[in-house]
């Protein structure tokens, strides 16, 4: 490997989220030092994923088949669909291990500034799935941003009277201290308060 190839690898690694040029240089140096243990298996795994990875035709999750394991599982056919912005959000929900239904990945949020309208997202496919799968509840698990909430309201309007709509609770996180929270979080927590 010439120095130019190493520089190319560093430049590519620096484009990954959370890695800048300095972290990328350290990561590449570590990979080179552990070539047999890390670099070669990583390169093989990346090549394999480059060939086999695809988007689930049903929900938008990323897997190695046209229909992901979650959509293919009869155990997940609970009548609930959890709507998320992107695959990273789906994976976060799965790590928590508490939702046993199916998902729907929108591929982003509505954004007038960025020119992203409903036709640019997987909203029509969501509506089709509700009809086809006998969905009884749609859980809107969108980020608590302006665009996320705008998208949630748009979907709620489209699905009104078709299905039960719920959203994730918002407010004080477990282990959170009021003194460290922003005003929006405190306001959401107060609005969503519940009886004890």
N, C-alpha and C. Protein backbone atom coordinates (compact mmCIF):
# COMPACT_ATOMS: atom_id res chain seq x y z
N UNK A 1 0.85 -1.19 0.00
CA UNK A 1 0.00 0.00 0.00
C UNK A 1 0.89 1.24 0.00
N UNK A 2 0.70 2.07 -0.98
CA UNK A 2 1.50 3.28 -1.04
C UNK A 2 0.91 4.31 -0.08
N UNK A 3 1.68 5.35 0.18
CA UNK A 3 1.21 6.41 1.06
C UNK A 3 -0.06 7.06 0.53
N UNK A 4 -0.18 7.13 -0.80
CA UNK A 4 -1.35 7.72 -1.42
C UNK A 4 -2.61 6.92 -1.09
N UNK A 5 -2.53 5.58 -1.09
CA UNK A 5 -3.67 4.72 -0.76
C UNK A 5 -4.05 4.88 0.71
N UNK A 6 -3.06 5.03 1.56
CA UNK A 6 -3.32 5.24 2.98
C UNK A 6 -4.02 6.58 3.18
N UNK A 7 -3.55 7.60 2.47
CA UNK A 7 -4.21 8.92 2.55
C UNK A 7 -5.65 8.85 2.07
N UNK A 8 -5.89 8.09 1.01
CA UNK A 8 -7.25 7.92 0.50
C UNK A 8 -8.12 7.25 1.56
N UNK A 9 -7.60 6.22 2.21
CA UNK A 9 -8.34 5.53 3.28
C UNK A 9 -8.64 6.49 4.43
N UNK A 10 -7.68 7.30 4.81
CA UNK A 10 -7.88 8.28 5.87
C UNK A 10 -8.96 9.28 5.47
N UNK A 11 -8.90 9.77 4.24
CA UNK A 11 -9.90 10.73 3.76
C UNK A 11 -11.31 10.13 3.77
N UNK A 12 -11.41 8.86 3.37
CA UNK A 12 -12.72 8.20 3.37
C UNK A 12 -13.22 7.98 4.79
N UNK A 13 -12.35 7.55 5.69
CA UNK A 13 -12.74 7.33 7.09
C UNK A 13 -13.16 8.65 7.74
N UNK A 14 -12.52 9.75 7.37
CA UNK A 14 -12.84 11.05 7.96
C UNK A 14 -14.24 11.51 7.58
N UNK A 15 -14.83 10.91 6.54
CA UNK A 15 -16.19 11.28 6.12
C UNK A 15 -17.26 10.56 6.95
N UNK A 16 -16.85 9.60 7.77
CA UNK A 16 -17.80 8.88 8.61
C UNK A 16 -18.27 9.78 9.76
N UNK A 17 -19.53 9.62 10.18
CA UNK A 17 -20.04 10.43 11.30
C UNK A 17 -19.20 10.20 12.56
N UNK A 18 -18.85 11.26 13.23
CA UNK A 18 -18.10 11.17 14.48
C UNK A 18 -16.59 11.07 14.31
N UNK A 19 -16.13 10.97 13.07
CA UNK A 19 -14.69 10.90 12.83
C UNK A 19 -14.26 12.10 12.02
N UNK A 20 -13.28 12.81 12.53
CA UNK A 20 -12.65 13.87 11.76
C UNK A 20 -11.34 13.36 11.22
N UNK A 21 -10.55 14.22 10.58
CA UNK A 21 -9.27 13.78 10.01
C UNK A 21 -8.32 13.19 11.05
N UNK A 22 -8.28 13.77 12.21
CA UNK A 22 -7.36 13.30 13.25
C UNK A 22 -7.76 11.91 13.76
N UNK A 23 -9.05 11.74 14.07
CA UNK A 23 -9.53 10.43 14.52
C UNK A 23 -9.39 9.39 13.43
N UNK A 24 -9.62 9.79 12.18
CA UNK A 24 -9.48 8.87 11.06
C UNK A 24 -8.04 8.38 10.92
N UNK A 25 -7.08 9.29 11.09
CA UNK A 25 -5.66 8.90 11.01
C UNK A 25 -5.33 7.88 12.09
N UNK A 26 -5.82 8.14 13.32
CA UNK A 26 -5.56 7.20 14.42
C UNK A 26 -6.21 5.85 14.16
N UNK A 27 -7.44 5.86 13.64
CA UNK A 27 -8.14 4.61 13.35
C UNK A 27 -7.42 3.82 12.26
N UNK A 28 -7.00 4.49 11.20
CA UNK A 28 -6.30 3.81 10.10
C UNK A 28 -4.98 3.24 10.58
N UNK A 29 -4.25 4.00 11.36
CA UNK A 29 -2.97 3.50 11.90
C UNK A 29 -3.21 2.26 12.76
N UNK A 30 -4.24 2.28 13.58
CA UNK A 30 -4.57 1.13 14.42
C UNK A 30 -4.94 -0.08 13.55
N UNK A 31 -5.73 0.15 12.51
CA UNK A 31 -6.11 -0.94 11.61
C UNK A 31 -4.89 -1.54 10.92
N UNK A 32 -3.97 -0.69 10.50
CA UNK A 32 -2.77 -1.19 9.83
C UNK A 32 -1.92 -2.01 10.79
N UNK A 33 -1.80 -1.53 12.00
CA UNK A 33 -1.01 -2.27 13.01
C UNK A 33 -1.65 -3.62 13.34
N UNK A 34 -2.96 -3.68 13.28
CA UNK A 34 -3.70 -4.92 13.59
C UNK A 34 -4.29 -5.50 12.29
N UNK A 35 -3.47 -5.51 11.26
CA UNK A 35 -3.93 -5.89 9.92
C UNK A 35 -4.66 -7.23 9.90
N UNK A 36 -4.04 -8.26 10.43
CA UNK A 36 -4.64 -9.60 10.37
C UNK A 36 -5.88 -9.71 11.26
N UNK A 37 -5.84 -9.05 12.40
CA UNK A 37 -6.94 -9.16 13.36
C UNK A 37 -8.13 -8.26 13.01
N UNK A 38 -7.85 -7.08 12.46
CA UNK A 38 -8.92 -6.11 12.20
C UNK A 38 -9.08 -5.69 10.74
N UNK A 39 -8.01 -5.26 10.11
CA UNK A 39 -8.11 -4.65 8.78
C UNK A 39 -8.65 -5.61 7.73
N UNK A 40 -8.08 -6.80 7.65
CA UNK A 40 -8.52 -7.76 6.64
C UNK A 40 -9.96 -8.21 6.89
N UNK A 41 -10.33 -8.62 8.12
CA UNK A 41 -11.75 -8.99 8.34
C UNK A 41 -12.71 -7.81 8.12
N UNK A 42 -12.29 -6.60 8.47
CA UNK A 42 -13.14 -5.43 8.25
C UNK A 42 -13.36 -5.19 6.75
N UNK A 43 -12.28 -5.29 5.98
CA UNK A 43 -12.39 -5.11 4.53
C UNK A 43 -13.29 -6.17 3.92
N UNK A 44 -13.16 -7.42 4.38
CA UNK A 44 -14.01 -8.50 3.88
C UNK A 44 -15.48 -8.26 4.23
N UNK A 45 -15.72 -7.86 5.48
CA UNK A 45 -17.10 -7.60 5.92
C UNK A 45 -17.70 -6.43 5.15
N UNK A 46 -16.92 -5.39 4.92
CA UNK A 46 -17.42 -4.23 4.16
C UNK A 46 -17.75 -4.62 2.73
N UNK A 47 -16.91 -5.46 2.13
CA UNK A 47 -17.17 -5.92 0.77
C UNK A 47 -18.46 -6.73 0.72
N UNK A 48 -18.66 -7.60 1.71
CA UNK A 48 -19.86 -8.42 1.78
C UNK A 48 -21.11 -7.57 1.93
N UNK A 49 -21.05 -6.58 2.82
CA UNK A 49 -22.19 -5.69 3.04
C UNK A 49 -22.47 -4.84 1.81
N UNK A 50 -21.41 -4.41 1.13
CA UNK A 50 -21.59 -3.61 -0.09
C UNK A 50 -22.37 -4.39 -1.14
N UNK A 51 -22.20 -5.70 -1.18
CA UNK A 51 -22.88 -6.54 -2.16
C UNK A 51 -24.29 -6.93 -1.70
N UNK A 52 -24.47 -7.22 -0.41
CA UNK A 52 -25.73 -7.82 0.05
C UNK A 52 -26.72 -6.84 0.69
N UNK A 53 -26.29 -5.70 1.17
CA UNK A 53 -27.20 -4.79 1.89
C UNK A 53 -28.23 -4.21 0.95
N UNK A 54 -29.47 -4.16 1.44
CA UNK A 54 -30.56 -3.57 0.67
C UNK A 54 -31.63 -3.06 1.60
N UNK A 55 -32.47 -2.20 1.07
CA UNK A 55 -33.57 -1.62 1.84
C UNK A 55 -34.77 -2.56 1.76
N UNK A 56 -35.39 -2.80 2.91
CA UNK A 56 -36.60 -3.63 2.95
C UNK A 56 -37.67 -2.97 2.10
N UNK A 57 -38.27 -3.73 1.20
CA UNK A 57 -39.30 -3.20 0.32
C UNK A 57 -40.58 -2.83 1.07
N UNK A 58 -40.74 -3.37 2.27
CA UNK A 58 -41.95 -3.15 3.05
C UNK A 58 -41.81 -1.94 3.98
N UNK A 59 -40.77 -1.94 4.81
CA UNK A 59 -40.68 -0.92 5.86
C UNK A 59 -39.55 0.09 5.67
N UNK A 60 -38.53 -0.23 4.87
CA UNK A 60 -37.41 0.68 4.68
C UNK A 60 -36.21 0.39 5.56
N UNK A 61 -36.28 -0.66 6.41
CA UNK A 61 -35.15 -1.07 7.23
C UNK A 61 -34.02 -1.54 6.30
N UNK A 62 -32.81 -1.64 6.83
CA UNK A 62 -31.68 -2.13 6.05
C UNK A 62 -31.38 -3.56 6.50
N UNK A 63 -31.26 -4.44 5.53
CA UNK A 63 -30.95 -5.84 5.82
C UNK A 63 -30.26 -6.47 4.63
N UNK A 64 -30.33 -7.79 4.55
CA UNK A 64 -29.66 -8.50 3.46
C UNK A 64 -30.65 -9.22 2.55
N UNK A 65 -31.95 -8.98 2.75
CA UNK A 65 -32.96 -9.57 1.87
C UNK A 65 -34.00 -8.49 1.54
N UNK A 66 -34.83 -8.78 0.55
CA UNK A 66 -35.82 -7.80 0.12
C UNK A 66 -36.82 -7.45 1.21
N UNK A 67 -37.16 -8.41 2.06
CA UNK A 67 -38.04 -8.18 3.21
C UNK A 67 -37.22 -8.48 4.46
N UNK A 68 -37.13 -7.51 5.37
CA UNK A 68 -36.28 -7.66 6.55
C UNK A 68 -36.86 -8.70 7.52
N UNK A 69 -36.06 -9.12 8.47
CA UNK A 69 -36.47 -10.13 9.46
C UNK A 69 -37.66 -9.66 10.29
N UNK A 70 -37.74 -8.37 10.58
CA UNK A 70 -38.84 -7.85 11.39
C UNK A 70 -40.15 -7.98 10.63
N UNK A 71 -40.17 -7.56 9.37
CA UNK A 71 -41.39 -7.65 8.56
C UNK A 71 -41.77 -9.10 8.27
N UNK A 72 -40.78 -9.97 8.14
CA UNK A 72 -41.03 -11.37 7.82
C UNK A 72 -41.55 -12.16 9.01
N UNK A 73 -41.32 -11.67 10.22
CA UNK A 73 -41.70 -12.41 11.42
C UNK A 73 -43.20 -12.30 11.70
N UNK A 74 -43.86 -13.44 11.77
CA UNK A 74 -45.28 -13.46 12.12
C UNK A 74 -45.50 -13.00 13.56
N UNK A 75 -44.52 -13.20 14.41
CA UNK A 75 -44.63 -12.76 15.81
C UNK A 75 -44.71 -11.24 15.91
N UNK A 76 -44.20 -10.53 14.89
CA UNK A 76 -44.20 -9.07 14.92
C UNK A 76 -45.50 -8.50 14.33
N UNK A 77 -46.38 -9.34 13.83
CA UNK A 77 -47.64 -8.89 13.22
C UNK A 77 -48.66 -8.60 14.33
N UNK A 78 -48.40 -7.59 15.12
CA UNK A 78 -49.24 -7.27 16.27
C UNK A 78 -50.33 -6.26 15.93
N UNK A 79 -50.30 -5.72 14.73
CA UNK A 79 -51.25 -4.67 14.36
C UNK A 79 -50.73 -3.28 14.69
N UNK A 80 -49.51 -3.21 15.20
CA UNK A 80 -48.89 -1.92 15.55
C UNK A 80 -47.75 -1.63 14.59
N UNK A 81 -47.69 -0.39 14.13
CA UNK A 81 -46.56 0.08 13.32
C UNK A 81 -45.99 1.31 14.01
N UNK A 82 -44.69 1.26 14.22
CA UNK A 82 -43.97 2.39 14.82
C UNK A 82 -43.28 3.15 13.68
N UNK A 83 -43.66 4.41 13.49
CA UNK A 83 -43.12 5.23 12.41
C UNK A 83 -41.91 6.00 12.92
N UNK A 84 -40.78 5.84 12.22
CA UNK A 84 -39.54 6.52 12.59
C UNK A 84 -39.00 7.29 11.39
N UNK A 85 -38.10 8.23 11.67
CA UNK A 85 -37.52 9.04 10.59
C UNK A 85 -36.54 8.26 9.75
N UNK A 86 -35.61 7.54 10.40
CA UNK A 86 -34.60 6.82 9.63
C UNK A 86 -34.24 5.51 10.31
N UNK A 87 -33.40 4.73 9.64
CA UNK A 87 -33.03 3.39 10.11
C UNK A 87 -32.33 3.46 11.46
N UNK A 88 -31.53 4.50 11.70
CA UNK A 88 -30.85 4.62 12.99
C UNK A 88 -31.87 4.69 14.14
N UNK A 89 -33.00 5.35 13.90
CA UNK A 89 -34.05 5.42 14.93
C UNK A 89 -34.68 4.04 15.14
N UNK A 90 -34.89 3.29 14.07
CA UNK A 90 -35.43 1.94 14.17
C UNK A 90 -34.48 1.07 15.00
N UNK A 91 -33.20 1.14 14.68
CA UNK A 91 -32.22 0.34 15.42
C UNK A 91 -32.17 0.73 16.89
N UNK A 92 -32.33 2.02 17.19
CA UNK A 92 -32.35 2.46 18.60
C UNK A 92 -33.55 1.86 19.33
N UNK A 93 -34.70 1.85 18.66
CA UNK A 93 -35.90 1.25 19.27
C UNK A 93 -35.68 -0.25 19.49
N UNK A 94 -35.06 -0.91 18.55
CA UNK A 94 -34.80 -2.35 18.69
C UNK A 94 -33.82 -2.64 19.82
N UNK A 95 -32.82 -1.77 20.00
CA UNK A 95 -31.87 -1.96 21.11
C UNK A 95 -32.58 -1.91 22.45
N UNK A 96 -33.61 -1.06 22.56
CA UNK A 96 -34.36 -0.96 23.80
C UNK A 96 -35.13 -2.26 24.06
N UNK A 97 -35.51 -2.97 23.00
CA UNK A 97 -36.15 -4.27 23.15
C UNK A 97 -37.56 -4.26 23.72
N UNK A 98 -38.24 -3.14 23.66
CA UNK A 98 -39.57 -3.06 24.27
C UNK A 98 -40.71 -3.06 23.27
N UNK A 99 -40.45 -2.76 22.01
CA UNK A 99 -41.50 -2.72 21.00
C UNK A 99 -41.48 -4.03 20.23
N UNK A 100 -42.61 -4.69 20.15
CA UNK A 100 -42.68 -6.00 19.51
C UNK A 100 -43.49 -6.01 18.21
N UNK A 101 -43.84 -4.82 17.71
CA UNK A 101 -44.58 -4.73 16.45
C UNK A 101 -43.64 -4.54 15.29
N UNK A 102 -44.15 -3.89 14.25
CA UNK A 102 -43.37 -3.63 13.05
C UNK A 102 -43.10 -2.13 12.92
N UNK A 103 -42.21 -1.78 12.00
CA UNK A 103 -41.77 -0.40 11.83
C UNK A 103 -42.10 0.11 10.44
N UNK A 104 -41.98 1.43 10.32
CA UNK A 104 -42.05 2.07 9.01
C UNK A 104 -41.06 3.23 9.01
N UNK A 105 -40.09 3.20 8.12
CA UNK A 105 -39.06 4.23 8.03
C UNK A 105 -39.48 5.24 6.97
N UNK A 106 -39.61 6.51 7.39
CA UNK A 106 -40.03 7.56 6.46
C UNK A 106 -38.93 7.99 5.50
N UNK A 107 -37.69 7.93 5.95
CA UNK A 107 -36.57 8.39 5.12
C UNK A 107 -36.31 9.88 5.30
N UNK A 108 -36.77 10.45 6.42
CA UNK A 108 -36.54 11.86 6.70
C UNK A 108 -37.79 12.50 7.27
N UNK A 109 -37.81 13.83 7.22
CA UNK A 109 -38.96 14.59 7.71
C UNK A 109 -39.33 15.65 6.69
N UNK A 110 -40.54 16.14 6.81
CA UNK A 110 -40.97 17.25 5.96
C UNK A 110 -40.13 18.48 6.30
N UNK A 111 -39.71 19.21 5.29
CA UNK A 111 -38.91 20.40 5.52
C UNK A 111 -39.09 21.37 4.35
N UNK A 112 -39.81 22.44 4.61
CA UNK A 112 -40.04 23.44 3.57
C UNK A 112 -38.72 24.07 3.13
N UNK A 113 -37.82 24.31 4.10
CA UNK A 113 -36.54 24.94 3.77
C UNK A 113 -35.71 24.08 2.83
N UNK A 114 -35.75 22.75 3.02
CA UNK A 114 -34.97 21.84 2.18
C UNK A 114 -35.75 21.33 0.99
N UNK A 115 -36.99 21.78 0.84
CA UNK A 115 -37.81 21.35 -0.28
C UNK A 115 -38.26 19.91 -0.20
N UNK A 116 -38.40 19.37 1.02
CA UNK A 116 -38.83 17.98 1.19
C UNK A 116 -40.32 17.98 1.53
N UNK A 117 -41.09 17.47 0.59
CA UNK A 117 -42.53 17.39 0.77
C UNK A 117 -42.97 15.96 1.03
N UNK A 118 -44.27 15.75 1.23
CA UNK A 118 -44.79 14.41 1.52
C UNK A 118 -44.45 13.37 0.45
N UNK A 119 -44.40 13.80 -0.80
CA UNK A 119 -44.11 12.87 -1.89
C UNK A 119 -42.66 12.39 -1.87
N UNK A 120 -41.78 13.08 -1.11
CA UNK A 120 -40.38 12.70 -1.01
C UNK A 120 -40.13 11.68 0.10
N UNK A 121 -41.14 11.44 0.92
CA UNK A 121 -41.02 10.50 2.04
C UNK A 121 -41.87 9.26 1.76
N UNK A 122 -41.78 8.27 2.63
CA UNK A 122 -42.52 7.01 2.44
C UNK A 122 -43.90 7.06 3.09
N UNK A 123 -44.55 8.22 3.05
CA UNK A 123 -45.87 8.37 3.65
C UNK A 123 -46.94 7.63 2.84
N UNK A 124 -46.96 7.71 1.50
CA UNK A 124 -47.96 6.94 0.76
C UNK A 124 -47.85 5.42 1.01
N UNK A 125 -46.62 4.93 1.12
CA UNK A 125 -46.41 3.50 1.40
C UNK A 125 -46.94 3.14 2.78
N UNK A 126 -46.80 4.06 3.77
CA UNK A 126 -47.35 3.84 5.11
C UNK A 126 -48.86 3.67 5.04
N UNK A 127 -49.51 4.55 4.31
CA UNK A 127 -50.98 4.48 4.19
C UNK A 127 -51.39 3.16 3.54
N UNK A 128 -50.66 2.73 2.52
CA UNK A 128 -50.95 1.44 1.87
C UNK A 128 -50.78 0.28 2.85
N UNK A 129 -49.74 0.33 3.68
CA UNK A 129 -49.49 -0.75 4.64
C UNK A 129 -50.60 -0.83 5.67
N UNK A 130 -51.13 0.30 6.10
CA UNK A 130 -52.19 0.31 7.10
C UNK A 130 -53.40 -0.46 6.58
N UNK A 131 -53.72 -0.23 5.32
CA UNK A 131 -54.85 -0.93 4.71
C UNK A 131 -54.52 -2.42 4.55
N UNK A 132 -53.36 -2.73 3.99
CA UNK A 132 -53.01 -4.11 3.63
C UNK A 132 -52.75 -5.00 4.84
N UNK A 133 -52.19 -4.45 5.92
CA UNK A 133 -51.77 -5.27 7.06
C UNK A 133 -52.76 -5.26 8.22
N UNK A 134 -53.88 -4.59 8.07
CA UNK A 134 -54.85 -4.56 9.15
C UNK A 134 -54.30 -3.89 10.41
N UNK A 135 -53.61 -2.79 10.23
CA UNK A 135 -52.98 -2.08 11.34
C UNK A 135 -54.05 -1.42 12.21
N UNK A 136 -53.89 -1.57 13.53
CA UNK A 136 -54.85 -0.98 14.46
C UNK A 136 -54.29 0.24 15.18
N UNK A 137 -52.94 0.34 15.25
CA UNK A 137 -52.32 1.48 15.93
C UNK A 137 -51.06 1.90 15.20
N UNK A 138 -50.91 3.21 15.03
CA UNK A 138 -49.68 3.79 14.48
C UNK A 138 -49.05 4.64 15.58
N UNK A 139 -47.81 4.30 15.92
CA UNK A 139 -47.06 5.03 16.94
C UNK A 139 -46.10 5.95 16.21
N UNK A 140 -46.26 7.25 16.41
CA UNK A 140 -45.37 8.22 15.77
C UNK A 140 -44.18 8.47 16.68
N UNK A 141 -43.05 7.88 16.32
CA UNK A 141 -41.82 8.00 17.12
C UNK A 141 -40.85 8.91 16.38
N UNK A 142 -41.30 10.13 16.12
CA UNK A 142 -40.47 11.09 15.39
C UNK A 142 -39.77 12.02 16.38
N UNK A 143 -38.63 12.54 15.96
CA UNK A 143 -37.84 13.40 16.83
C UNK A 143 -38.62 14.66 17.22
N UNK A 144 -38.33 15.17 18.40
CA UNK A 144 -39.02 16.34 18.94
C UNK A 144 -38.41 17.63 18.40
N UNK A 145 -38.26 17.67 17.08
CA UNK A 145 -37.78 18.87 16.39
C UNK A 145 -38.97 19.50 15.68
N UNK A 146 -38.78 20.71 15.16
CA UNK A 146 -39.86 21.35 14.43
C UNK A 146 -40.27 20.50 13.23
N UNK A 147 -39.28 20.03 12.44
CA UNK A 147 -39.58 19.20 11.28
C UNK A 147 -40.22 17.87 11.68
N UNK A 148 -39.72 17.27 12.75
CA UNK A 148 -40.28 16.01 13.22
C UNK A 148 -41.73 16.15 13.63
N UNK A 149 -42.03 17.21 14.36
CA UNK A 149 -43.40 17.43 14.82
C UNK A 149 -44.32 17.85 13.68
N UNK A 150 -43.80 18.61 12.72
CA UNK A 150 -44.58 18.96 11.53
C UNK A 150 -44.96 17.70 10.77
N UNK A 151 -44.00 16.79 10.63
CA UNK A 151 -44.24 15.53 9.94
C UNK A 151 -45.28 14.69 10.69
N UNK A 152 -45.15 14.65 12.02
CA UNK A 152 -46.11 13.89 12.83
C UNK A 152 -47.53 14.44 12.66
N UNK A 153 -47.68 15.76 12.65
CA UNK A 153 -49.00 16.37 12.47
C UNK A 153 -49.55 16.07 11.08
N UNK A 154 -48.69 16.11 10.07
CA UNK A 154 -49.14 15.81 8.71
C UNK A 154 -49.65 14.37 8.63
N UNK A 155 -48.88 13.43 9.18
CA UNK A 155 -49.29 12.02 9.15
C UNK A 155 -50.59 11.83 9.93
N UNK A 156 -50.68 12.49 11.08
CA UNK A 156 -51.90 12.39 11.89
C UNK A 156 -53.11 12.88 11.09
N UNK A 157 -52.96 13.94 10.34
CA UNK A 157 -54.06 14.45 9.51
C UNK A 157 -54.44 13.44 8.43
N UNK A 158 -53.44 12.80 7.83
CA UNK A 158 -53.70 11.83 6.76
C UNK A 158 -54.39 10.57 7.28
N UNK A 159 -54.10 10.21 8.53
CA UNK A 159 -54.61 8.95 9.09
C UNK A 159 -55.80 9.15 10.02
N UNK A 160 -56.26 10.37 10.15
CA UNK A 160 -57.36 10.67 11.07
C UNK A 160 -58.56 9.77 10.77
N UNK A 161 -59.11 9.18 11.81
CA UNK A 161 -60.28 8.29 11.75
C UNK A 161 -60.03 6.97 11.03
N UNK A 162 -58.81 6.68 10.66
CA UNK A 162 -58.50 5.39 10.02
C UNK A 162 -57.93 4.39 11.01
N UNK A 163 -57.19 4.90 11.99
CA UNK A 163 -56.44 4.05 12.89
C UNK A 163 -56.16 4.81 14.18
N UNK A 164 -55.90 4.10 15.26
CA UNK A 164 -55.52 4.75 16.52
C UNK A 164 -54.11 5.32 16.36
N UNK A 165 -53.94 6.60 16.72
CA UNK A 165 -52.65 7.27 16.61
C UNK A 165 -52.12 7.59 18.00
N UNK A 166 -50.86 7.24 18.24
CA UNK A 166 -50.21 7.60 19.50
C UNK A 166 -48.82 8.14 19.17
N UNK A 167 -48.20 8.77 20.16
CA UNK A 167 -46.83 9.23 19.99
C UNK A 167 -46.05 8.90 21.25
N UNK A 168 -44.73 8.93 21.13
CA UNK A 168 -43.89 8.69 22.30
C UNK A 168 -44.06 9.83 23.29
N UNK A 169 -43.98 9.50 24.56
CA UNK A 169 -44.03 10.54 25.59
C UNK A 169 -42.77 11.39 25.49
N UNK A 170 -42.90 12.64 25.88
CA UNK A 170 -41.76 13.55 25.85
C UNK A 170 -41.63 14.20 27.21
N UNK A 171 -40.43 14.51 27.59
CA UNK A 171 -40.23 15.19 28.86
C UNK A 171 -38.93 14.82 29.52
N UNK A 172 -38.96 14.73 30.84
CA UNK A 172 -37.76 14.51 31.65
C UNK A 172 -37.24 13.09 31.42
N UNK A 173 -35.99 12.95 31.00
CA UNK A 173 -35.44 11.60 30.81
C UNK A 173 -35.14 10.95 32.16
N UNK A 174 -35.10 9.62 32.17
CA UNK A 174 -34.75 8.89 33.39
C UNK A 174 -33.34 9.31 33.80
N UNK A 175 -33.18 9.68 35.03
CA UNK A 175 -31.89 10.13 35.54
C UNK A 175 -31.63 11.60 35.28
N UNK A 176 -32.59 12.28 34.65
CA UNK A 176 -32.40 13.70 34.35
C UNK A 176 -32.69 14.58 35.55
N UNK A 177 -31.98 15.68 35.62
CA UNK A 177 -32.20 16.66 36.67
C UNK A 177 -32.75 17.93 36.05
N UNK A 178 -33.78 18.49 36.67
CA UNK A 178 -34.46 19.66 36.12
C UNK A 178 -33.51 20.80 35.81
N UNK A 179 -32.52 20.99 36.67
CA UNK A 179 -31.60 22.10 36.50
C UNK A 179 -30.83 22.03 35.18
N UNK A 180 -30.67 20.82 34.62
CA UNK A 180 -29.89 20.65 33.40
C UNK A 180 -30.75 20.58 32.14
N UNK A 181 -32.07 20.65 32.28
CA UNK A 181 -32.96 20.53 31.13
C UNK A 181 -33.29 21.88 30.53
N UNK A 182 -33.55 21.88 29.22
CA UNK A 182 -33.94 23.13 28.56
C UNK A 182 -35.42 23.38 28.81
N UNK A 183 -35.84 24.58 28.51
CA UNK A 183 -37.21 25.00 28.78
C UNK A 183 -38.22 24.18 27.98
N UNK A 184 -37.89 23.82 26.74
CA UNK A 184 -38.81 23.04 25.91
C UNK A 184 -39.08 21.67 26.50
N UNK A 185 -38.04 21.02 27.04
CA UNK A 185 -38.20 19.70 27.64
C UNK A 185 -39.04 19.80 28.90
N UNK A 186 -38.78 20.80 29.72
CA UNK A 186 -39.57 20.99 30.94
C UNK A 186 -41.03 21.27 30.59
N UNK A 187 -41.27 22.09 29.57
CA UNK A 187 -42.63 22.40 29.14
C UNK A 187 -43.35 21.15 28.66
N UNK A 188 -42.67 20.33 27.85
CA UNK A 188 -43.28 19.08 27.35
C UNK A 188 -43.58 18.13 28.49
N UNK A 189 -42.67 18.05 29.46
CA UNK A 189 -42.88 17.16 30.60
C UNK A 189 -44.07 17.61 31.44
N UNK A 190 -44.21 18.90 31.62
CA UNK A 190 -45.33 19.42 32.42
C UNK A 190 -46.65 19.19 31.69
N UNK A 191 -46.66 19.39 30.39
CA UNK A 191 -47.88 19.18 29.60
C UNK A 191 -48.31 17.73 29.58
N UNK A 192 -47.33 16.80 29.59
CA UNK A 192 -47.63 15.38 29.50
C UNK A 192 -47.65 14.71 30.89
N UNK A 193 -47.84 15.50 31.94
CA UNK A 193 -47.82 14.92 33.28
C UNK A 193 -48.97 13.92 33.44
N UNK A 194 -48.77 12.96 34.38
CA UNK A 194 -49.77 11.92 34.60
C UNK A 194 -50.05 11.77 36.09
N UNK A 195 -51.18 11.17 36.41
CA UNK A 195 -51.57 10.96 37.81
C UNK A 195 -50.69 9.88 38.44
N UNK A 196 -50.46 10.01 39.72
CA UNK A 196 -49.69 8.99 40.45
C UNK A 196 -50.61 8.11 41.25
